mmCIF file of all heavy atoms, coordinates in Angstrom:
data_MODEL
# 
_entry.id   MODEL 
# 
loop_
_atom_site.group_PDB 
_atom_site.id 
_atom_site.type_symbol 
_atom_site.label_atom_id 
_atom_site.label_alt_id 
_atom_site.label_comp_id 
_atom_site.label_asym_id 
_atom_site.label_entity_id 
_atom_site.label_seq_id 
_atom_site.pdbx_PDB_ins_code 
_atom_site.Cartn_x 
_atom_site.Cartn_y 
_atom_site.Cartn_z 
_atom_site.occupancy 
_atom_site.B_iso_or_equiv 
_atom_site.pdbx_formal_charge 
_atom_site.auth_seq_id 
_atom_site.auth_comp_id 
_atom_site.auth_asym_id 
_atom_site.auth_atom_id 
_atom_site.pdbx_PDB_model_num 
ATOM 1   N N   . VAL A 1 1  ? -122.887 -115.380 9.607   1.00 0.00 ? 1  VAL A N   1 
ATOM 2   C CA  . VAL A 1 1  ? -123.430 -114.890 8.370   1.00 0.00 ? 1  VAL A CA  1 
ATOM 3   C C   . VAL A 1 1  ? -123.096 -113.409 8.220   1.00 0.00 ? 1  VAL A C   1 
ATOM 4   O O   . VAL A 1 1  ? -122.829 -112.974 7.105   1.00 0.00 ? 1  VAL A O   1 
ATOM 5   C CB  . VAL A 1 1  ? -124.977 -115.105 8.397   1.00 0.00 ? 1  VAL A CB  1 
ATOM 6   C CG1 . VAL A 1 1  ? -125.670 -114.363 7.234   1.00 0.00 ? 1  VAL A CG1 1 
ATOM 7   C CG2 . VAL A 1 1  ? -125.255 -116.605 8.293   1.00 0.00 ? 1  VAL A CG2 1 
ATOM 8   N N   . ASN A 1 2  ? -123.114 -112.634 9.303   1.00 0.00 ? 2  ASN A N   1 
ATOM 9   C CA  . ASN A 1 2  ? -122.793 -111.185 9.166   1.00 0.00 ? 2  ASN A CA  1 
ATOM 10  C C   . ASN A 1 2  ? -121.310 -110.935 8.874   1.00 0.00 ? 2  ASN A C   1 
ATOM 11  O O   . ASN A 1 2  ? -120.954 -109.868 8.460   1.00 0.00 ? 2  ASN A O   1 
ATOM 12  C CB  . ASN A 1 2  ? -123.172 -110.503 10.473  1.00 0.00 ? 2  ASN A CB  1 
ATOM 13  C CG  . ASN A 1 2  ? -124.669 -110.392 10.686  1.00 0.00 ? 2  ASN A CG  1 
ATOM 14  O OD1 . ASN A 1 2  ? -125.404 -110.495 9.749   1.00 0.00 ? 2  ASN A OD1 1 
ATOM 15  N ND2 . ASN A 1 2  ? -125.090 -110.248 11.932  1.00 0.00 ? 2  ASN A ND2 1 
ATOM 16  N N   . SER A 1 3  ? -120.507 -111.961 9.014   1.00 0.00 ? 3  SER A N   1 
ATOM 17  C CA  . SER A 1 3  ? -119.083 -111.829 8.664   1.00 0.00 ? 3  SER A CA  1 
ATOM 18  C C   . SER A 1 3  ? -118.836 -111.938 7.138   1.00 0.00 ? 3  SER A C   1 
ATOM 19  O O   . SER A 1 3  ? -117.785 -111.572 6.671   1.00 0.00 ? 3  SER A O   1 
ATOM 20  C CB  . SER A 1 3  ? -118.236 -112.836 9.426   1.00 0.00 ? 3  SER A CB  1 
ATOM 21  O OG  . SER A 1 3  ? -118.506 -114.145 8.967   1.00 0.00 ? 3  SER A OG  1 
ATOM 22  N N   . CYS A 1 4  ? -119.818 -112.434 6.368   1.00 0.00 ? 4  CYS A N   1 
ATOM 23  C CA  . CYS A 1 4  ? -119.662 -112.545 4.920   1.00 0.00 ? 4  CYS A CA  1 
ATOM 24  C C   . CYS A 1 4  ? -119.330 -111.219 4.250   1.00 0.00 ? 4  CYS A C   1 
ATOM 25  O O   . CYS A 1 4  ? -118.439 -111.153 3.443   1.00 0.00 ? 4  CYS A O   1 
ATOM 26  C CB  . CYS A 1 4  ? -120.896 -113.195 4.296   1.00 0.00 ? 4  CYS A CB  1 
ATOM 27  S SG  . CYS A 1 4  ? -121.091 -114.930 4.779   1.00 0.00 ? 4  CYS A SG  1 
ATOM 28  N N   . PRO A 1 5  ? -120.102 -110.167 4.497   1.00 0.00 ? 5  PRO A N   1 
ATOM 29  C CA  . PRO A 1 5  ? -119.752 -108.901 3.817   1.00 0.00 ? 5  PRO A CA  1 
ATOM 30  C C   . PRO A 1 5  ? -118.381 -108.342 4.293   1.00 0.00 ? 5  PRO A C   1 
ATOM 31  O O   . PRO A 1 5  ? -117.664 -107.754 3.506   1.00 0.00 ? 5  PRO A O   1 
ATOM 32  C CB  . PRO A 1 5  ? -120.835 -107.891 4.268   1.00 0.00 ? 5  PRO A CB  1 
ATOM 33  C CG  . PRO A 1 5  ? -122.019 -108.779 4.637   1.00 0.00 ? 5  PRO A CG  1 
ATOM 34  C CD  . PRO A 1 5  ? -121.408 -110.044 5.142   1.00 0.00 ? 5  PRO A CD  1 
ATOM 35  N N   . SER A 1 6  ? -117.966 -108.626 5.497   1.00 0.00 ? 6  SER A N   1 
ATOM 36  C CA  . SER A 1 6  ? -116.644 -108.234 5.965   1.00 0.00 ? 6  SER A CA  1 
ATOM 37  C C   . SER A 1 6  ? -115.542 -108.958 5.246   1.00 0.00 ? 6  SER A C   1 
ATOM 38  O O   . SER A 1 6  ? -114.541 -108.365 4.881   1.00 0.00 ? 6  SER A O   1 
ATOM 39  C CB  . SER A 1 6  ? -116.522 -108.453 7.465   1.00 0.00 ? 6  SER A CB  1 
ATOM 40  O OG  . SER A 1 6  ? -117.483 -107.718 8.156   1.00 0.00 ? 6  SER A OG  1 
ATOM 41  N N   . PHE A 1 7  ? -115.764 -110.260 4.988   1.00 0.00 ? 7  PHE A N   1 
ATOM 42  C CA  . PHE A 1 7  ? -114.823 -111.021 4.200   1.00 0.00 ? 7  PHE A CA  1 
ATOM 43  C C   . PHE A 1 7  ? -114.716 -110.480 2.802   1.00 0.00 ? 7  PHE A C   1 
ATOM 44  O O   . PHE A 1 7  ? -113.647 -110.387 2.261   1.00 0.00 ? 7  PHE A O   1 
ATOM 45  C CB  . PHE A 1 7  ? -115.213 -112.513 4.189   1.00 0.00 ? 7  PHE A CB  1 
ATOM 46  C CG  . PHE A 1 7  ? -114.305 -113.351 3.329   1.00 0.00 ? 7  PHE A CG  1 
ATOM 47  C CD1 . PHE A 1 7  ? -113.020 -113.628 3.703   1.00 0.00 ? 7  PHE A CD1 1 
ATOM 48  C CD2 . PHE A 1 7  ? -114.719 -113.774 2.132   1.00 0.00 ? 7  PHE A CD2 1 
ATOM 49  C CE1 . PHE A 1 7  ? -112.154 -114.336 2.914   1.00 0.00 ? 7  PHE A CE1 1 
ATOM 50  C CE2 . PHE A 1 7  ? -113.940 -114.555 1.332   1.00 0.00 ? 7  PHE A CE2 1 
ATOM 51  C CZ  . PHE A 1 7  ? -112.579 -114.842 1.720   1.00 0.00 ? 7  PHE A CZ  1 
ATOM 52  N N   . HIS A 1 8  ? -115.853 -110.142 2.248   1.00 0.00 ? 8  HIS A N   1 
ATOM 53  C CA  . HIS A 1 8  ? -115.832 -109.585 0.869   1.00 0.00 ? 8  HIS A CA  1 
ATOM 54  C C   . HIS A 1 8  ? -115.130 -108.280 0.842   1.00 0.00 ? 8  HIS A C   1 
ATOM 55  O O   . HIS A 1 8  ? -114.360 -108.010 -0.136  1.00 0.00 ? 8  HIS A O   1 
ATOM 56  C CB  . HIS A 1 8  ? -117.295 -109.417 0.377   1.00 0.00 ? 8  HIS A CB  1 
ATOM 57  C CG  . HIS A 1 8  ? -117.388 -108.821 -0.970  1.00 0.00 ? 8  HIS A CG  1 
ATOM 58  N ND1 . HIS A 1 8  ? -117.020 -109.459 -2.078  1.00 0.00 ? 8  HIS A ND1 1 
ATOM 59  C CD2 . HIS A 1 8  ? -117.823 -107.599 -1.318  1.00 0.00 ? 8  HIS A CD2 1 
ATOM 60  C CE1 . HIS A 1 8  ? -117.182 -108.684 -3.167  1.00 0.00 ? 8  HIS A CE1 1 
ATOM 61  N NE2 . HIS A 1 8  ? -117.671 -107.515 -2.723  1.00 0.00 ? 8  HIS A NE2 1 
ATOM 62  N N   . SER A 1 9  ? -115.288 -107.465 1.837   1.00 0.00 ? 9  SER A N   1 
ATOM 63  C CA  . SER A 1 9  ? -114.620 -106.203 1.919   1.00 0.00 ? 9  SER A CA  1 
ATOM 64  C C   . SER A 1 9  ? -113.103 -106.336 2.073   1.00 0.00 ? 9  SER A C   1 
ATOM 65  O O   . SER A 1 9  ? -112.336 -105.523 1.631   1.00 0.00 ? 9  SER A O   1 
ATOM 66  C CB  . SER A 1 9  ? -115.135 -105.358 3.054   1.00 0.00 ? 9  SER A CB  1 
ATOM 67  O OG  . SER A 1 9  ? -116.462 -105.019 2.828   1.00 0.00 ? 9  SER A OG  1 
ATOM 68  N N   . LEU A 1 10 ? -112.668 -107.416 2.697   1.00 0.00 ? 10 LEU A N   1 
ATOM 69  C CA  . LEU A 1 10 ? -111.252 -107.694 2.935   1.00 0.00 ? 10 LEU A CA  1 
ATOM 70  C C   . LEU A 1 10 ? -110.464 -107.727 1.622   1.00 0.00 ? 10 LEU A C   1 
ATOM 71  O O   . LEU A 1 10 ? -109.425 -107.231 1.518   1.00 0.00 ? 10 LEU A O   1 
ATOM 72  C CB  . LEU A 1 10 ? -111.105 -108.966 3.695   1.00 0.00 ? 10 LEU A CB  1 
ATOM 73  C CG  . LEU A 1 10 ? -109.655 -109.389 4.071   1.00 0.00 ? 10 LEU A CG  1 
ATOM 74  C CD1 . LEU A 1 10 ? -109.116 -108.398 5.084   1.00 0.00 ? 10 LEU A CD1 1 
ATOM 75  C CD2 . LEU A 1 10 ? -109.616 -110.757 4.610   1.00 0.00 ? 10 LEU A CD2 1 
ATOM 76  N N   . TRP A 1 11 ? -111.059 -108.339 0.594   1.00 0.00 ? 11 TRP A N   1 
ATOM 77  C CA  . TRP A 1 11 ? -110.341 -108.425 -0.687  1.00 0.00 ? 11 TRP A CA  1 
ATOM 78  C C   . TRP A 1 11 ? -110.882 -107.360 -1.654  1.00 0.00 ? 11 TRP A C   1 
ATOM 79  O O   . TRP A 1 11 ? -110.160 -106.944 -2.560  1.00 0.00 ? 11 TRP A O   1 
ATOM 80  C CB  . TRP A 1 11 ? -110.461 -109.791 -1.320  1.00 0.00 ? 11 TRP A CB  1 
ATOM 81  C CG  . TRP A 1 11 ? -111.849 -110.152 -1.800  1.00 0.00 ? 11 TRP A CG  1 
ATOM 82  C CD1 . TRP A 1 11 ? -112.837 -110.736 -1.137  1.00 0.00 ? 11 TRP A CD1 1 
ATOM 83  C CD2 . TRP A 1 11 ? -112.343 -109.821 -3.119  1.00 0.00 ? 11 TRP A CD2 1 
ATOM 84  N NE1 . TRP A 1 11 ? -113.979 -110.876 -1.873  1.00 0.00 ? 11 TRP A NE1 1 
ATOM 85  C CE2 . TRP A 1 11 ? -113.696 -110.360 -3.148  1.00 0.00 ? 11 TRP A CE2 1 
ATOM 86  C CE3 . TRP A 1 11 ? -111.874 -109.216 -4.259  1.00 0.00 ? 11 TRP A CE3 1 
ATOM 87  C CZ2 . TRP A 1 11 ? -114.507 -110.231 -4.268  1.00 0.00 ? 11 TRP A CZ2 1 
ATOM 88  C CZ3 . TRP A 1 11 ? -112.688 -109.112 -5.379  1.00 0.00 ? 11 TRP A CZ3 1 
ATOM 89  C CH2 . TRP A 1 11 ? -113.983 -109.603 -5.376  1.00 0.00 ? 11 TRP A CH2 1 
ATOM 90  N N   . GLY A 1 12 ? -112.103 -106.899 -1.475  1.00 0.00 ? 12 GLY A N   1 
ATOM 91  C CA  . GLY A 1 12 ? -112.722 -105.941 -2.426  1.00 0.00 ? 12 GLY A CA  1 
ATOM 92  C C   . GLY A 1 12 ? -112.213 -104.549 -2.279  1.00 0.00 ? 12 GLY A C   1 
ATOM 93  O O   . GLY A 1 12 ? -112.052 -103.850 -3.292  1.00 0.00 ? 12 GLY A O   1 
ATOM 94  N N   . ILE A 1 13 ? -111.973 -104.071 -1.069  1.00 0.00 ? 13 ILE A N   1 
ATOM 95  C CA  . ILE A 1 13 ? -111.536 -102.691 -0.862  1.00 0.00 ? 13 ILE A CA  1 
ATOM 96  C C   . ILE A 1 13 ? -110.166 -102.434 -1.469  1.00 0.00 ? 13 ILE A C   1 
ATOM 97  O O   . ILE A 1 13 ? -109.962 -101.388 -2.146  1.00 0.00 ? 13 ILE A O   1 
ATOM 98  C CB  . ILE A 1 13 ? -111.663 -102.289 0.633   1.00 0.00 ? 13 ILE A CB  1 
ATOM 99  C CG1 . ILE A 1 13 ? -113.108 -102.186 1.011   1.00 0.00 ? 13 ILE A CG1 1 
ATOM 100 C CG2 . ILE A 1 13 ? -110.884 -100.993 0.919   1.00 0.00 ? 13 ILE A CG2 1 
ATOM 101 C CD1 . ILE A 1 13 ? -113.345 -101.900 2.455   1.00 0.00 ? 13 ILE A CD1 1 
ATOM 102 N N   . PRO A 1 14 ? -109.131 -103.278 -1.223  1.00 0.00 ? 14 PRO A N   1 
ATOM 103 C CA  . PRO A 1 14 ? -107.874 -103.028 -1.943  1.00 0.00 ? 14 PRO A CA  1 
ATOM 104 C C   . PRO A 1 14 ? -107.956 -103.061 -3.393  1.00 0.00 ? 14 PRO A C   1 
ATOM 105 O O   . PRO A 1 14 ? -107.309 -102.217 -4.107  1.00 0.00 ? 14 PRO A O   1 
ATOM 106 C CB  . PRO A 1 14 ? -106.950 -104.138 -1.430  1.00 0.00 ? 14 PRO A CB  1 
ATOM 107 C CG  . PRO A 1 14 ? -107.551 -104.529 -0.150  1.00 0.00 ? 14 PRO A CG  1 
ATOM 108 C CD  . PRO A 1 14 ? -109.026 -104.367 -0.306  1.00 0.00 ? 14 PRO A CD  1 
ATOM 109 N N   . PHE A 1 15 ? -108.778 -103.950 -3.986  1.00 0.00 ? 15 PHE A N   1 
ATOM 110 C CA  . PHE A 1 15 ? -109.018 -104.024 -5.414  1.00 0.00 ? 15 PHE A CA  1 
ATOM 111 C C   . PHE A 1 15 ? -109.640 -102.694 -5.924  1.00 0.00 ? 15 PHE A C   1 
ATOM 112 O O   . PHE A 1 15 ? -109.232 -102.116 -6.931  1.00 0.00 ? 15 PHE A O   1 
ATOM 113 C CB  . PHE A 1 15 ? -109.879 -105.202 -5.762  1.00 0.00 ? 15 PHE A CB  1 
ATOM 114 C CG  . PHE A 1 15 ? -110.176 -105.291 -7.209  1.00 0.00 ? 15 PHE A CG  1 
ATOM 115 C CD1 . PHE A 1 15 ? -109.219 -105.691 -8.177  1.00 0.00 ? 15 PHE A CD1 1 
ATOM 116 C CD2 . PHE A 1 15 ? -111.460 -104.982 -7.692  1.00 0.00 ? 15 PHE A CD2 1 
ATOM 117 C CE1 . PHE A 1 15 ? -109.516 -105.767 -9.514  1.00 0.00 ? 15 PHE A CE1 1 
ATOM 118 C CE2 . PHE A 1 15 ? -111.762 -105.055 -9.049  1.00 0.00 ? 15 PHE A CE2 1 
ATOM 119 C CZ  . PHE A 1 15 ? -110.780 -105.471 -9.932  1.00 0.00 ? 15 PHE A CZ  1 
ATOM 120 N N   . GLN A 1 16 ? -110.688 -102.227 -5.236  1.00 0.00 ? 16 GLN A N   1 
ATOM 121 C CA  . GLN A 1 16 ? -111.341 -100.988 -5.622  1.00 0.00 ? 16 GLN A CA  1 
ATOM 122 C C   . GLN A 1 16 ? -110.398 -99.804  -5.513  1.00 0.00 ? 16 GLN A C   1 
ATOM 123 O O   . GLN A 1 16 ? -110.388 -98.907  -6.396  1.00 0.00 ? 16 GLN A O   1 
ATOM 124 C CB  . GLN A 1 16 ? -112.573 -100.732 -4.743  1.00 0.00 ? 16 GLN A CB  1 
ATOM 125 C CG  . GLN A 1 16 ? -113.701 -101.679 -4.990  1.00 0.00 ? 16 GLN A CG  1 
ATOM 126 C CD  . GLN A 1 16 ? -114.825 -101.503 -3.997  1.00 0.00 ? 16 GLN A CD  1 
ATOM 127 O OE1 . GLN A 1 16 ? -114.757 -100.628 -3.091  1.00 0.00 ? 16 GLN A OE1 1 
ATOM 128 N NE2 . GLN A 1 16 ? -115.881 -102.311 -4.121  1.00 0.00 ? 16 GLN A NE2 1 
ATOM 129 N N   . LEU A 1 17 ? -109.583 -99.721  -4.496  1.00 0.00 ? 17 LEU A N   1 
ATOM 130 C CA  . LEU A 1 17 ? -108.613 -98.638  -4.320  1.00 0.00 ? 17 LEU A CA  1 
ATOM 131 C C   . LEU A 1 17 ? -107.635 -98.645  -5.459  1.00 0.00 ? 17 LEU A C   1 
ATOM 132 O O   . LEU A 1 17 ? -107.343 -97.584  -6.032  1.00 0.00 ? 17 LEU A O   1 
ATOM 133 C CB  . LEU A 1 17 ? -107.912 -98.772  -2.969  1.00 0.00 ? 17 LEU A CB  1 
ATOM 134 C CG  . LEU A 1 17 ? -106.911 -97.682  -2.646  1.00 0.00 ? 17 LEU A CG  1 
ATOM 135 C CD1 . LEU A 1 17 ? -107.603 -96.324  -2.510  1.00 0.00 ? 17 LEU A CD1 1 
ATOM 136 C CD2 . LEU A 1 17 ? -106.192 -98.000  -1.366  1.00 0.00 ? 17 LEU A CD2 1 
ATOM 137 N N   . PHE A 1 18 ? -107.062 -99.787  -5.810  1.00 0.00 ? 18 PHE A N   1 
ATOM 138 C CA  . PHE A 1 18 ? -106.081 -99.863  -6.862  1.00 0.00 ? 18 PHE A CA  1 
ATOM 139 C C   . PHE A 1 18 ? -106.748 -99.445  -8.217  1.00 0.00 ? 18 PHE A C   1 
ATOM 140 O O   . PHE A 1 18 ? -106.174 -98.694  -8.988  1.00 0.00 ? 18 PHE A O   1 
ATOM 141 C CB  . PHE A 1 18 ? -105.547 -101.293 -7.018  1.00 0.00 ? 18 PHE A CB  1 
ATOM 142 C CG  . PHE A 1 18 ? -104.656 -101.500 -8.188  1.00 0.00 ? 18 PHE A CG  1 
ATOM 143 C CD1 . PHE A 1 18 ? -103.354 -100.994 -8.221  1.00 0.00 ? 18 PHE A CD1 1 
ATOM 144 C CD2 . PHE A 1 18 ? -105.104 -102.159 -9.300  1.00 0.00 ? 18 PHE A CD2 1 
ATOM 145 C CE1 . PHE A 1 18 ? -102.573 -101.181 -9.342  1.00 0.00 ? 18 PHE A CE1 1 
ATOM 146 C CE2 . PHE A 1 18 ? -104.329 -102.325 -10.452 1.00 0.00 ? 18 PHE A CE2 1 
ATOM 147 C CZ  . PHE A 1 18 ? -103.040 -101.817 -10.418 1.00 0.00 ? 18 PHE A CZ  1 
ATOM 148 N N   . PHE A 1 19 ? -107.926 -99.942  -8.457  1.00 0.00 ? 19 PHE A N   1 
ATOM 149 C CA  . PHE A 1 19 ? -108.628 -99.679  -9.708  1.00 0.00 ? 19 PHE A CA  1 
ATOM 150 C C   . PHE A 1 19 ? -108.956 -98.155  -9.791  1.00 0.00 ? 19 PHE A C   1 
ATOM 151 O O   . PHE A 1 19 ? -108.857 -97.545  -10.862 1.00 0.00 ? 19 PHE A O   1 
ATOM 152 C CB  . PHE A 1 19 ? -109.870 -100.511 -9.816  1.00 0.00 ? 19 PHE A CB  1 
ATOM 153 C CG  . PHE A 1 19 ? -110.531 -100.487 -11.166 1.00 0.00 ? 19 PHE A CG  1 
ATOM 154 C CD1 . PHE A 1 19 ? -109.889 -101.123 -12.260 1.00 0.00 ? 19 PHE A CD1 1 
ATOM 155 C CD2 . PHE A 1 19 ? -111.729 -99.841  -11.385 1.00 0.00 ? 19 PHE A CD2 1 
ATOM 156 C CE1 . PHE A 1 19 ? -110.492 -101.075 -13.495 1.00 0.00 ? 19 PHE A CE1 1 
ATOM 157 C CE2 . PHE A 1 19 ? -112.312 -99.809  -12.638 1.00 0.00 ? 19 PHE A CE2 1 
ATOM 158 C CZ  . PHE A 1 19 ? -111.677 -100.429 -13.694 1.00 0.00 ? 19 PHE A CZ  1 
ATOM 159 N N   . THR A 1 20 ? -109.367 -97.572  -8.680  1.00 0.00 ? 20 THR A N   1 
ATOM 160 C CA  . THR A 1 20 ? -109.716 -96.156  -8.657  1.00 0.00 ? 20 THR A CA  1 
ATOM 161 C C   . THR A 1 20 ? -108.484 -95.299  -8.920  1.00 0.00 ? 20 THR A C   1 
ATOM 162 O O   . THR A 1 20 ? -108.539 -94.361  -9.683  1.00 0.00 ? 20 THR A O   1 
ATOM 163 C CB  . THR A 1 20 ? -110.333 -95.786  -7.313  1.00 0.00 ? 20 THR A CB  1 
ATOM 164 O OG1 . THR A 1 20 ? -111.486 -96.577  -7.076  1.00 0.00 ? 20 THR A OG1 1 
ATOM 165 C CG2 . THR A 1 20 ? -110.677 -94.303  -7.254  1.00 0.00 ? 20 THR A CG2 1 
ATOM 166 N N   . LEU A 1 21 ? -107.352 -95.667  -8.315  1.00 0.00 ? 21 LEU A N   1 
ATOM 167 C CA  . LEU A 1 21 ? -106.097 -94.892  -8.517  1.00 0.00 ? 21 LEU A CA  1 
ATOM 168 C C   . LEU A 1 21 ? -105.658 -95.050  -9.953  1.00 0.00 ? 21 LEU A C   1 
ATOM 169 O O   . LEU A 1 21 ? -105.145 -94.069  -10.550 1.00 0.00 ? 21 LEU A O   1 
ATOM 170 C CB  . LEU A 1 21 ? -105.043 -95.336  -7.550  1.00 0.00 ? 21 LEU A CB  1 
ATOM 171 C CG  . LEU A 1 21 ? -105.291 -94.946  -6.092  1.00 0.00 ? 21 LEU A CG  1 
ATOM 172 C CD1 . LEU A 1 21 ? -104.192 -95.532  -5.161  1.00 0.00 ? 21 LEU A CD1 1 
ATOM 173 C CD2 . LEU A 1 21 ? -105.419 -93.479  -5.901  1.00 0.00 ? 21 LEU A CD2 1 
ATOM 174 N N   . TYR A 1 22 ? -105.826 -96.209  -10.532 1.00 0.00 ? 22 TYR A N   1 
ATOM 175 C CA  . TYR A 1 22 ? -105.439 -96.427  -11.940 1.00 0.00 ? 22 TYR A CA  1 
ATOM 176 C C   . TYR A 1 22 ? -106.272 -95.518  -12.843 1.00 0.00 ? 22 TYR A C   1 
ATOM 177 O O   . TYR A 1 22 ? -105.760 -94.870  -13.773 1.00 0.00 ? 22 TYR A O   1 
ATOM 178 C CB  . TYR A 1 22 ? -105.571 -97.907  -12.312 1.00 0.00 ? 22 TYR A CB  1 
ATOM 179 C CG  . TYR A 1 22 ? -105.382 -98.161  -13.768 1.00 0.00 ? 22 TYR A CG  1 
ATOM 180 C CD1 . TYR A 1 22 ? -104.111 -98.143  -14.292 1.00 0.00 ? 22 TYR A CD1 1 
ATOM 181 C CD2 . TYR A 1 22 ? -106.453 -98.434  -14.589 1.00 0.00 ? 22 TYR A CD2 1 
ATOM 182 C CE1 . TYR A 1 22 ? -103.917 -98.355  -15.696 1.00 0.00 ? 22 TYR A CE1 1 
ATOM 183 C CE2 . TYR A 1 22 ? -106.303 -98.657  -15.957 1.00 0.00 ? 22 TYR A CE2 1 
ATOM 184 C CZ  . TYR A 1 22 ? -105.017 -98.666  -16.509 1.00 0.00 ? 22 TYR A CZ  1 
ATOM 185 O OH  . TYR A 1 22 ? -104.829 -98.853  -17.820 1.00 0.00 ? 22 TYR A OH  1 
ATOM 186 N N   . LEU A 1 23 ? -107.606 -95.521  -12.644 1.00 0.00 ? 23 LEU A N   1 
ATOM 187 C CA  . LEU A 1 23 ? -108.444 -94.709  -13.458 1.00 0.00 ? 23 LEU A CA  1 
ATOM 188 C C   . LEU A 1 23 ? -108.133 -93.194  -13.266 1.00 0.00 ? 23 LEU A C   1 
ATOM 189 O O   . LEU A 1 23 ? -108.197 -92.428  -14.228 1.00 0.00 ? 23 LEU A O   1 
ATOM 190 C CB  . LEU A 1 23 ? -109.940 -94.949  -13.162 1.00 0.00 ? 23 LEU A CB  1 
ATOM 191 C CG  . LEU A 1 23 ? -110.453 -96.320  -13.593 1.00 0.00 ? 23 LEU A CG  1 
ATOM 192 C CD1 . LEU A 1 23 ? -111.890 -96.543  -13.137 1.00 0.00 ? 23 LEU A CD1 1 
ATOM 193 C CD2 . LEU A 1 23 ? -110.358 -96.471  -15.096 1.00 0.00 ? 23 LEU A CD2 1 
ATOM 194 N N   . LEU A 1 24 ? -107.858 -92.793  -12.067 1.00 0.00 ? 24 LEU A N   1 
ATOM 195 C CA  . LEU A 1 24 ? -107.488 -91.400  -11.783 1.00 0.00 ? 24 LEU A CA  1 
ATOM 196 C C   . LEU A 1 24 ? -106.178 -91.046  -12.463 1.00 0.00 ? 24 LEU A C   1 
ATOM 197 O O   . LEU A 1 24 ? -106.062 -89.968  -13.026 1.00 0.00 ? 24 LEU A O   1 
ATOM 198 C CB  . LEU A 1 24 ? -107.418 -91.192  -10.263 1.00 0.00 ? 24 LEU A CB  1 
ATOM 199 C CG  . LEU A 1 24 ? -107.265 -89.756  -9.792  1.00 0.00 ? 24 LEU A CG  1 
ATOM 200 C CD1 . LEU A 1 24 ? -108.471 -88.931  -10.234 1.00 0.00 ? 24 LEU A CD1 1 
ATOM 201 C CD2 . LEU A 1 24 ? -107.115 -89.734  -8.316  1.00 0.00 ? 24 LEU A CD2 1 
ATOM 202 N N   . TYR A 1 25 ? -105.221 -91.993  -12.475 1.00 0.00 ? 25 TYR A N   1 
ATOM 203 C CA  . TYR A 1 25 ? -103.971 -91.760  -13.189 1.00 0.00 ? 25 TYR A CA  1 
ATOM 204 C C   . TYR A 1 25 ? -104.230 -91.588  -14.705 1.00 0.00 ? 25 TYR A C   1 
ATOM 205 O O   . TYR A 1 25 ? -103.629 -90.730  -15.335 1.00 0.00 ? 25 TYR A O   1 
ATOM 206 C CB  . TYR A 1 25 ? -103.022 -92.936  -12.945 1.00 0.00 ? 25 TYR A CB  1 
ATOM 207 C CG  . TYR A 1 25 ? -101.798 -92.894  -13.803 1.00 0.00 ? 25 TYR A CG  1 
ATOM 208 C CD1 . TYR A 1 25 ? -100.758 -91.978  -13.503 1.00 0.00 ? 25 TYR A CD1 1 
ATOM 209 C CD2 . TYR A 1 25 ? -101.648 -93.679  -14.902 1.00 0.00 ? 25 TYR A CD2 1 
ATOM 210 C CE1 . TYR A 1 25 ? -99.618  -91.902  -14.316 1.00 0.00 ? 25 TYR A CE1 1 
ATOM 211 C CE2 . TYR A 1 25 ? -100.506 -93.630  -15.681 1.00 0.00 ? 25 TYR A CE2 1 
ATOM 212 C CZ  . TYR A 1 25 ? -99.513  -92.753  -15.403 1.00 0.00 ? 25 TYR A CZ  1 
ATOM 213 O OH  . TYR A 1 25 ? -98.388  -92.661  -16.161 1.00 0.00 ? 25 TYR A OH  1 
# 
């Protein structure tokens, strides 16, 4: 059960990074 947030972070962090860099651009 504790691995659920880690799995979410696996796909969520790259998405957030890309979106943040796009907004910064």
